[in-house]
Structure formats: structure tokens, C-alpha cells
């Protein structure tokens, strides 16, 4: 498992805190937060630069990153 960028982990956990872990509500929250830059000013472009995409064609990768962030949080 690749190391998850701390900013991505925190972005996901911020969204989980606001909306919960259930799809599609979490996906919608992440899209809204990114669209408005509500988390540390990170928008879609900045998240893509960190390796995180909300594109429908990359949902498998996105779900895996979300699982990594949540698992890390559960271990802390």
C-alpha cells in the first residue's frame, strides 16, 4: 500500500467528519468541498496534483484512497 499524502488524508477525514463514511453522500461532500475550496483552499486542481481525482473513471482509485485515510484514522 502506498503512503497516503497527509493533505489528502486530512481532506478525506474532513469530509467524513462533515458527511459520514457512506457513499454516495461522501463522494458528493468531497466534490462540493473541492469545488468550493473549503479545505485549506484545496480545489480539484490541487487535489489532482496530489494524486486524488473525483473523476468517475477513477472512482476505484478514489475509493481506495478513502479507505486508506479512514483506516489510518481508525488506527490513531
PDB file of N, CA and C in Angstrom:
ATOM      1  N   UNK A   1       0.844  -1.185   0.000  1.00  0.00           N
ATOM      2  CA  UNK A   1       0.000   0.000   0.000  1.00  0.00           C
ATOM      3  C   UNK A   1       0.884   1.240   0.000  1.00  0.00           C
ATOM      4  N   UNK A   2       0.632   2.168  -0.917  1.00  0.00           N
ATOM      5  CA  UNK A   2       1.406   3.397  -0.998  1.00  0.00           C
ATOM      6  C   UNK A   2       1.077   4.301   0.173  1.00  0.00           C
ATOM      7  N   UNK A   3       2.050   5.132   0.525  1.00  0.00           N
ATOM      8  CA  UNK A   3       1.852   6.091   1.594  1.00  0.00           C
ATOM      9  C   UNK A   3       0.899   7.189   1.112  1.00  0.00           C
ATOM     10  N   UNK A   4      -0.097   7.465   1.899  1.00  0.00           N
ATOM     11  CA  UNK A   4      -1.092   8.472   1.546  1.00  0.00           C
ATOM     12  C   UNK A   4      -0.592   9.851   1.968  1.00  0.00           C
ATOM     13  N   UNK A   5      -0.655  10.794   1.052  1.00  0.00           N
ATOM     14  CA  UNK A   5      -0.249  12.169   1.345  1.00  0.00           C
ATOM     15  C   UNK A   5      -1.076  12.682   2.524  1.00  0.00           C
ATOM     16  N   UNK A   6      -0.428  13.271   3.514  1.00  0.00           N
ATOM     17  CA  UNK A   6      -1.158  13.761   4.699  1.00  0.00           C
ATOM     18  C   UNK A   6      -2.260  14.768   4.368  1.00  0.00           C
ATOM     19  N   UNK A   7      -2.051  15.598   3.347  1.00  0.00           N
ATOM     20  CA  UNK A   7      -3.085  16.560   2.965  1.00  0.00           C
ATOM     21  C   UNK A   7      -4.322  15.848   2.414  1.00  0.00           C
ATOM     22  N   UNK A   8      -4.089  14.786   1.634  1.00  0.00           N
ATOM     23  CA  UNK A   8      -5.217  14.018   1.111  1.00  0.00           C
ATOM     24  C   UNK A   8      -5.962  13.313   2.235  1.00  0.00           C
ATOM     25  N   UNK A   9      -5.190  12.711   3.139  1.00  0.00           N
ATOM     26  CA  UNK A   9      -5.809  12.038   4.291  1.00  0.00           C
ATOM     27  C   UNK A   9      -6.672  13.030   5.063  1.00  0.00           C
ATOM     28  N   UNK A  10      -6.132  14.203   5.334  1.00  0.00           N
ATOM     29  CA  UNK A  10      -6.875  15.197   6.105  1.00  0.00           C
ATOM     30  C   UNK A  10      -8.093  15.714   5.341  1.00  0.00           C
ATOM     31  N   UNK A  11      -7.964  15.836   4.022  1.00  0.00           N
ATOM     32  CA  UNK A  11      -9.103  16.247   3.202  1.00  0.00           C
ATOM     33  C   UNK A  11     -10.242  15.231   3.324  1.00  0.00           C
ATOM     34  N   UNK A  12      -9.892  13.961   3.156  1.00  0.00           N
ATOM     35  CA  UNK A  12     -10.906  12.898   3.246  1.00  0.00           C
ATOM     36  C   UNK A  12     -11.541  12.892   4.632  1.00  0.00           C
ATOM     37  N   UNK A  13     -10.724  12.960   5.676  1.00  0.00           N
ATOM     38  CA  UNK A  13     -11.260  12.912   7.041  1.00  0.00           C
ATOM     39  C   UNK A  13     -12.121  14.134   7.352  1.00  0.00           C
ATOM     40  N   UNK A  14     -11.766  15.275   6.794  1.00  0.00           N
ATOM     41  CA  UNK A  14     -12.584  16.486   6.931  1.00  0.00           C
ATOM     42  C   UNK A  14     -13.974  16.238   6.344  1.00  0.00           C
ATOM     43  N   UNK A  15     -13.999  15.628   5.160  1.00  0.00           N
ATOM     44  CA  UNK A  15     -15.276  15.340   4.501  1.00  0.00           C
ATOM     45  C   UNK A  15     -16.064  14.262   5.243  1.00  0.00           C
ATOM     46  N   UNK A  16     -15.374  13.246   5.744  1.00  0.00           N
ATOM     47  CA  UNK A  16     -16.034  12.193   6.524  1.00  0.00           C
ATOM     48  C   UNK A  16     -16.663  12.793   7.775  1.00  0.00           C
ATOM     49  N   UNK A  17     -15.944  13.685   8.411  1.00  0.00           N
ATOM     50  CA  UNK A  17     -16.455  14.328   9.624  1.00  0.00           C
ATOM     51  C   UNK A  17     -17.732  15.114   9.333  1.00  0.00           C
ATOM     52  N   UNK A  18     -17.780  15.739   8.176  1.00  0.00           N
ATOM     53  CA  UNK A  18     -18.937  16.559   7.801  1.00  0.00           C
ATOM     54  C   UNK A  18     -20.121  15.726   7.327  1.00  0.00           C
ATOM     55  N   UNK A  19     -19.834  14.568   6.678  1.00  0.00           N
ATOM     56  CA  UNK A  19     -20.912  13.862   5.997  1.00  0.00           C
ATOM     57  C   UNK A  19     -21.029  12.380   6.332  1.00  0.00           C
ATOM     58  N   UNK A  20     -20.023  11.793   6.951  1.00  0.00           N
ATOM     59  CA  UNK A  20     -20.071  10.362   7.236  1.00  0.00           C
ATOM     60  C   UNK A  20     -19.342   9.567   6.167  1.00  0.00           C
ATOM     61  N   UNK A  21     -19.276   8.249   6.381  1.00  0.00           N
ATOM     62  CA  UNK A  21     -18.488   7.362   5.519  1.00  0.00           C
ATOM     63  C   UNK A  21     -19.274   6.764   4.355  1.00  0.00           C
ATOM     64  N   UNK A  22     -20.564   6.965   4.309  1.00  0.00           N
ATOM     65  CA  UNK A  22     -21.395   6.279   3.322  1.00  0.00           C
ATOM     66  C   UNK A  22     -21.383   6.970   1.960  1.00  0.00           C
ATOM     67  N   UNK A  23     -21.247   6.123   0.922  1.00  0.00           N
ATOM     68  CA  UNK A  23     -21.372   6.586  -0.458  1.00  0.00           C
ATOM     69  C   UNK A  23     -22.845   6.617  -0.815  1.00  0.00           C
ATOM     70  N   UNK A  24     -23.349   7.459  -1.665  1.00  0.00           N
ATOM     71  CA  UNK A  24     -22.643   8.482  -2.415  1.00  0.00           C
ATOM     72  C   UNK A  24     -22.529   9.812  -1.678  1.00  0.00           C
ATOM     73  N   UNK A  25     -23.054   9.885  -0.461  1.00  0.00           N
ATOM     74  CA  UNK A  25     -23.018  11.146   0.283  1.00  0.00           C
ATOM     75  C   UNK A  25     -21.586  11.647   0.478  1.00  0.00           C
ATOM     76  N   UNK A  26     -20.650  10.744   0.778  1.00  0.00           N
ATOM     77  CA  UNK A  26     -19.263  11.175   0.973  1.00  0.00           C
ATOM     78  C   UNK A  26     -18.672  11.695  -0.331  1.00  0.00           C
ATOM     79  N   UNK A  27     -18.935  11.018  -1.431  1.00  0.00           N
ATOM     80  CA  UNK A  27     -18.450  11.492  -2.731  1.00  0.00           C
ATOM     81  C   UNK A  27     -18.998  12.894  -3.018  1.00  0.00           C
ATOM     82  N   UNK A  28     -20.290  13.075  -2.799  1.00  0.00           N
ATOM     83  CA  UNK A  28     -20.908  14.386  -3.027  1.00  0.00           C
ATOM     84  C   UNK A  28     -20.257  15.453  -2.161  1.00  0.00           C
ATOM     85  N   UNK A  29     -19.974  15.116  -0.911  1.00  0.00           N
ATOM     86  CA  UNK A  29     -19.340  16.067   0.002  1.00  0.00           C
ATOM     87  C   UNK A  29     -17.930  16.420  -0.474  1.00  0.00           C
ATOM     88  N   UNK A  30     -17.166  15.406  -0.873  1.00  0.00           N
ATOM     89  CA  UNK A  30     -15.806  15.677  -1.360  1.00  0.00           C
ATOM     90  C   UNK A  30     -15.840  16.566  -2.595  1.00  0.00           C
ATOM     91  N   UNK A  31     -16.779  16.316  -3.495  1.00  0.00           N
ATOM     92  CA  UNK A  31     -16.903  17.133  -4.698  1.00  0.00           C
ATOM     93  C   UNK A  31     -17.279  18.574  -4.340  1.00  0.00           C
ATOM     94  N   UNK A  32     -18.193  18.737  -3.405  1.00  0.00           N
ATOM     95  CA  UNK A  32     -18.614  20.080  -3.002  1.00  0.00           C
ATOM     96  C   UNK A  32     -17.482  20.818  -2.298  1.00  0.00           C
ATOM     97  N   UNK A  33     -16.796  20.141  -1.375  1.00  0.00           N
ATOM     98  CA  UNK A  33     -15.694  20.767  -0.638  1.00  0.00           C
ATOM     99  C   UNK A  33     -14.584  21.171  -1.606  1.00  0.00           C
ATOM    100  N   UNK A  34     -14.237  20.281  -2.539  1.00  0.00           N
ATOM    101  CA  UNK A  34     -13.198  20.600  -3.523  1.00  0.00           C
ATOM    102  C   UNK A  34     -13.653  21.728  -4.444  1.00  0.00           C
ATOM    103  N   UNK A  35     -14.900  21.691  -4.858  1.00  0.00           N
ATOM    104  CA  UNK A  35     -15.426  22.711  -5.756  1.00  0.00           C
ATOM    105  C   UNK A  35     -15.401  24.103  -5.152  1.00  0.00           C
ATOM    106  N   UNK A  36     -15.536  24.182  -3.842  1.00  0.00           N
ATOM    107  CA  UNK A  36     -15.546  25.479  -3.157  1.00  0.00           C
ATOM    108  C   UNK A  36     -14.235  25.769  -2.431  1.00  0.00           C
ATOM    109  N   UNK A  37     -13.294  24.834  -2.489  1.00  0.00           N
ATOM    110  CA  UNK A  37     -12.001  25.040  -1.826  1.00  0.00           C
ATOM    111  C   UNK A  37     -12.141  25.208  -0.319  1.00  0.00           C
ATOM    112  N   UNK A  38     -13.076  24.491   0.282  1.00  0.00           N
ATOM    113  CA  UNK A  38     -13.376  24.668   1.702  1.00  0.00           C
ATOM    114  C   UNK A  38     -12.330  24.075   2.638  1.00  0.00           C
ATOM    115  N   UNK A  39     -11.504  23.180   2.142  1.00  0.00           N
ATOM    116  CA  UNK A  39     -10.479  22.573   2.991  1.00  0.00           C
ATOM    117  C   UNK A  39      -9.112  23.092   2.568  1.00  0.00           C
ATOM    118  N   UNK A  40      -8.587  24.004   3.362  1.00  0.00           N
ATOM    119  CA  UNK A  40      -7.258  24.589   3.134  1.00  0.00           C
ATOM    120  C   UNK A  40      -7.081  25.141   1.728  1.00  0.00           C
ATOM    121  N   UNK A  41      -8.179  25.538   1.114  1.00  0.00           N
ATOM    122  CA  UNK A  41      -8.129  26.103  -0.227  1.00  0.00           C
ATOM    123  C   UNK A  41      -7.878  25.092  -1.335  1.00  0.00           C
ATOM    124  N   UNK A  42      -7.891  23.794  -0.989  1.00  0.00           N
ATOM    125  CA  UNK A  42      -7.640  22.766  -1.999  1.00  0.00           C
ATOM    126  C   UNK A  42      -8.866  22.594  -2.890  1.00  0.00           C
ATOM    127  N   UNK A  43      -8.663  22.781  -4.175  1.00  0.00           N
ATOM    128  CA  UNK A  43      -9.708  22.553  -5.156  1.00  0.00           C
ATOM    129  C   UNK A  43      -9.391  21.310  -5.965  1.00  0.00           C
ATOM    130  N   UNK A  44     -10.165  21.091  -7.001  1.00  0.00           N
ATOM    131  CA  UNK A  44      -9.968  19.908  -7.839  1.00  0.00           C
ATOM    132  C   UNK A  44      -8.559  19.853  -8.428  1.00  0.00           C
ATOM    133  N   UNK A  45      -8.053  20.983  -8.884  1.00  0.00           N
ATOM    134  CA  UNK A  45      -6.722  21.019  -9.495  1.00  0.00           C
ATOM    135  C   UNK A  45      -5.648  20.636  -8.489  1.00  0.00           C
ATOM    136  N   UNK A  46      -5.703  21.220  -7.307  1.00  0.00           N
ATOM    137  CA  UNK A  46      -4.707  20.925  -6.275  1.00  0.00           C
ATOM    138  C   UNK A  46      -4.789  19.468  -5.828  1.00  0.00           C
ATOM    139  N   UNK A  47      -5.995  18.953  -5.696  1.00  0.00           N
ATOM    140  CA  UNK A  47      -6.165  17.553  -5.303  1.00  0.00           C
ATOM    141  C   UNK A  47      -5.613  16.619  -6.376  1.00  0.00           C
ATOM    142  N   UNK A  48      -5.853  16.945  -7.653  1.00  0.00           N
ATOM    143  CA  UNK A  48      -5.287  16.134  -8.741  1.00  0.00           C
ATOM    144  C   UNK A  48      -3.763  16.136  -8.686  1.00  0.00           C
ATOM    145  N   UNK A  49      -3.175  17.278  -8.371  1.00  0.00           N
ATOM    146  CA  UNK A  49      -1.718  17.364  -8.271  1.00  0.00           C
ATOM    147  C   UNK A  49      -1.189  16.481  -7.142  1.00  0.00           C
ATOM    148  N   UNK A  50      -2.015  16.235  -6.138  1.00  0.00           N
ATOM    149  CA  UNK A  50      -1.636  15.361  -5.021  1.00  0.00           C
ATOM    150  C   UNK A  50      -1.993  13.895  -5.298  1.00  0.00           C
ATOM    151  N   UNK A  51      -2.585  13.636  -6.463  1.00  0.00           N
ATOM    152  CA  UNK A  51      -2.919  12.264  -6.830  1.00  0.00           C
ATOM    153  C   UNK A  51      -4.331  11.831  -6.501  1.00  0.00           C
ATOM    154  N   UNK A  52      -5.227  12.782  -6.279  1.00  0.00           N
ATOM    155  CA  UNK A  52      -6.605  12.474  -5.898  1.00  0.00           C
ATOM    156  C   UNK A  52      -7.554  13.032  -6.944  1.00  0.00           C
ATOM    157  N   UNK A  53      -8.372  12.173  -7.509  1.00  0.00           N
ATOM    158  CA  UNK A  53      -9.318  12.603  -8.533  1.00  0.00           C
ATOM    159  C   UNK A  53     -10.728  12.183  -8.152  1.00  0.00           C
ATOM    160  N   UNK A  54     -11.665  13.039  -8.483  1.00  0.00           N
ATOM    161  CA  UNK A  54     -13.071  12.706  -8.291  1.00  0.00           C
ATOM    162  C   UNK A  54     -13.738  12.348  -9.616  1.00  0.00           C
ATOM    163  N   UNK A  55     -12.923  12.151 -10.645  1.00  0.00           N
ATOM    164  CA  UNK A  55     -13.448  11.760 -11.948  1.00  0.00           C
ATOM    165  C   UNK A  55     -14.105  10.381 -11.849  1.00  0.00           C
ATOM    166  N   UNK A  56     -15.233  10.235 -12.499  1.00  0.00           N
ATOM    167  CA  UNK A  56     -15.961   8.973 -12.419  1.00  0.00           C
ATOM    168  C   UNK A  56     -15.132   7.804 -12.935  1.00  0.00           C
ATOM    169  N   UNK A  57     -14.281   8.031 -13.913  1.00  0.00           N
ATOM    170  CA  UNK A  57     -13.447   6.976 -14.459  1.00  0.00           C
ATOM    171  C   UNK A  57     -12.341   6.516 -13.524  1.00  0.00           C
ATOM    172  N   UNK A  58     -12.136   7.259 -12.439  1.00  0.00           N
ATOM    173  CA  UNK A  58     -11.078   6.906 -11.481  1.00  0.00           C
ATOM    174  C   UNK A  58     -11.631   6.603 -10.093  1.00  0.00           C
ATOM    175  N   UNK A  59     -12.909   6.286 -10.029  1.00  0.00           N
ATOM    176  CA  UNK A  59     -13.538   6.058  -8.730  1.00  0.00           C
ATOM    177  C   UNK A  59     -12.906   4.910  -7.945  1.00  0.00           C
ATOM    178  N   UNK A  60     -12.444   3.875  -8.631  1.00  0.00           N
ATOM    179  CA  UNK A  60     -11.802   2.769  -7.906  1.00  0.00           C
ATOM    180  C   UNK A  60     -10.593   3.268  -7.126  1.00  0.00           C
ATOM    181  N   UNK A  61      -9.783   4.123  -7.754  1.00  0.00           N
ATOM    182  CA  UNK A  61      -8.612   4.690  -7.087  1.00  0.00           C
ATOM    183  C   UNK A  61      -9.038   5.602  -5.936  1.00  0.00           C
ATOM    184  N   UNK A  62     -10.065   6.402  -6.174  1.00  0.00           N
ATOM    185  CA  UNK A  62     -10.561   7.320  -5.151  1.00  0.00           C
ATOM    186  C   UNK A  62     -11.064   6.553  -3.940  1.00  0.00           C
ATOM    187  N   UNK A  63     -11.824   5.496  -4.184  1.00  0.00           N
ATOM    188  CA  UNK A  63     -12.354   4.679  -3.083  1.00  0.00           C
ATOM    189  C   UNK A  63     -11.211   4.066  -2.287  1.00  0.00           C
ATOM    190  N   UNK A  64     -10.174   3.612  -2.963  1.00  0.00           N
ATOM    191  CA  UNK A  64      -9.021   3.031  -2.272  1.00  0.00           C
ATOM    192  C   UNK A  64      -8.327   4.070  -1.386  1.00  0.00           C
ATOM    193  N   UNK A  65      -8.159   5.285  -1.886  1.00  0.00           N
ATOM    194  CA  UNK A  65      -7.543   6.347  -1.084  1.00  0.00           C
ATOM    195  C   UNK A  65      -8.413   6.694   0.125  1.00  0.00           C
ATOM    196  N   UNK A  66      -9.724   6.719  -0.077  1.00  0.00           N
ATOM    197  CA  UNK A  66     -10.646   6.997   1.035  1.00  0.00           C
ATOM    198  C   UNK A  66     -10.527   5.905   2.089  1.00  0.00           C
ATOM    199  N   UNK A  67     -10.475   4.649   1.660  1.00  0.00           N
ATOM    200  CA  UNK A  67     -10.326   3.541   2.605  1.00  0.00           C
ATOM    201  C   UNK A  67      -9.021   3.660   3.385  1.00  0.00           C
ATOM    202  N   UNK A  68      -7.939   4.046   2.711  1.00  0.00           N
ATOM    203  CA  UNK A  68      -6.649   4.220   3.384  1.00  0.00           C
ATOM    204  C   UNK A  68      -6.735   5.317   4.444  1.00  0.00           C
ATOM    205  N   UNK A  69      -7.363   6.433   4.100  1.00  0.00           N
ATOM    206  CA  UNK A  69      -7.482   7.556   5.042  1.00  0.00           C
ATOM    207  C   UNK A  69      -8.291   7.152   6.269  1.00  0.00           C
ATOM    208  N   UNK A  70      -9.396   6.461   6.045  1.00  0.00           N
ATOM    209  CA  UNK A  70     -10.266   6.052   7.147  1.00  0.00           C
ATOM    210  C   UNK A  70      -9.558   5.014   8.006  1.00  0.00           C
ATOM    211  N   UNK A  71      -8.863   4.079   7.370  1.00  0.00           N
ATOM    212  CA  UNK A  71      -8.129   3.038   8.132  1.00  0.00           C
ATOM    213  C   UNK A  71      -7.054   3.680   8.979  1.00  0.00           C
ATOM    214  N   UNK A  72      -6.357   4.654   8.449  1.00  0.00           N
ATOM    215  CA  UNK A  72      -5.303   5.343   9.207  1.00  0.00           C
ATOM    216  C   UNK A  72      -5.917   6.042  10.405  1.00  0.00           C
ATOM    217  N   UNK A  73      -7.052   6.699  10.197  1.00  0.00           N
ATOM    218  CA  UNK A  73      -7.718   7.402  11.282  1.00  0.00           C
ATOM    219  C   UNK A  73      -8.194   6.437  12.366  1.00  0.00           C
ATOM    220  N   UNK A  74      -8.665   5.271  11.963  1.00  0.00           N
ATOM    221  CA  UNK A  74      -9.132   4.265  12.925  1.00  0.00           C
ATOM    222  C   UNK A  74      -7.987   3.717  13.770  1.00  0.00           C
ATOM    223  N   UNK A  75      -6.758   3.740  13.225  1.00  0.00           N
ATOM    224  CA  UNK A  75      -5.590   3.213  13.941  1.00  0.00           C
ATOM    225  C   UNK A  75      -5.017   4.215  14.933  1.00  0.00           C
ATOM    226  N   UNK A  76      -5.342   5.485  14.754  1.00  0.00           N
ATOM    227  CA  UNK A  76      -4.773   6.537  15.623  1.00  0.00           C
ATOM    228  C   UNK A  76      -5.516   6.609  16.921  1.00  0.00           C
TER     229      UNK A  76
END
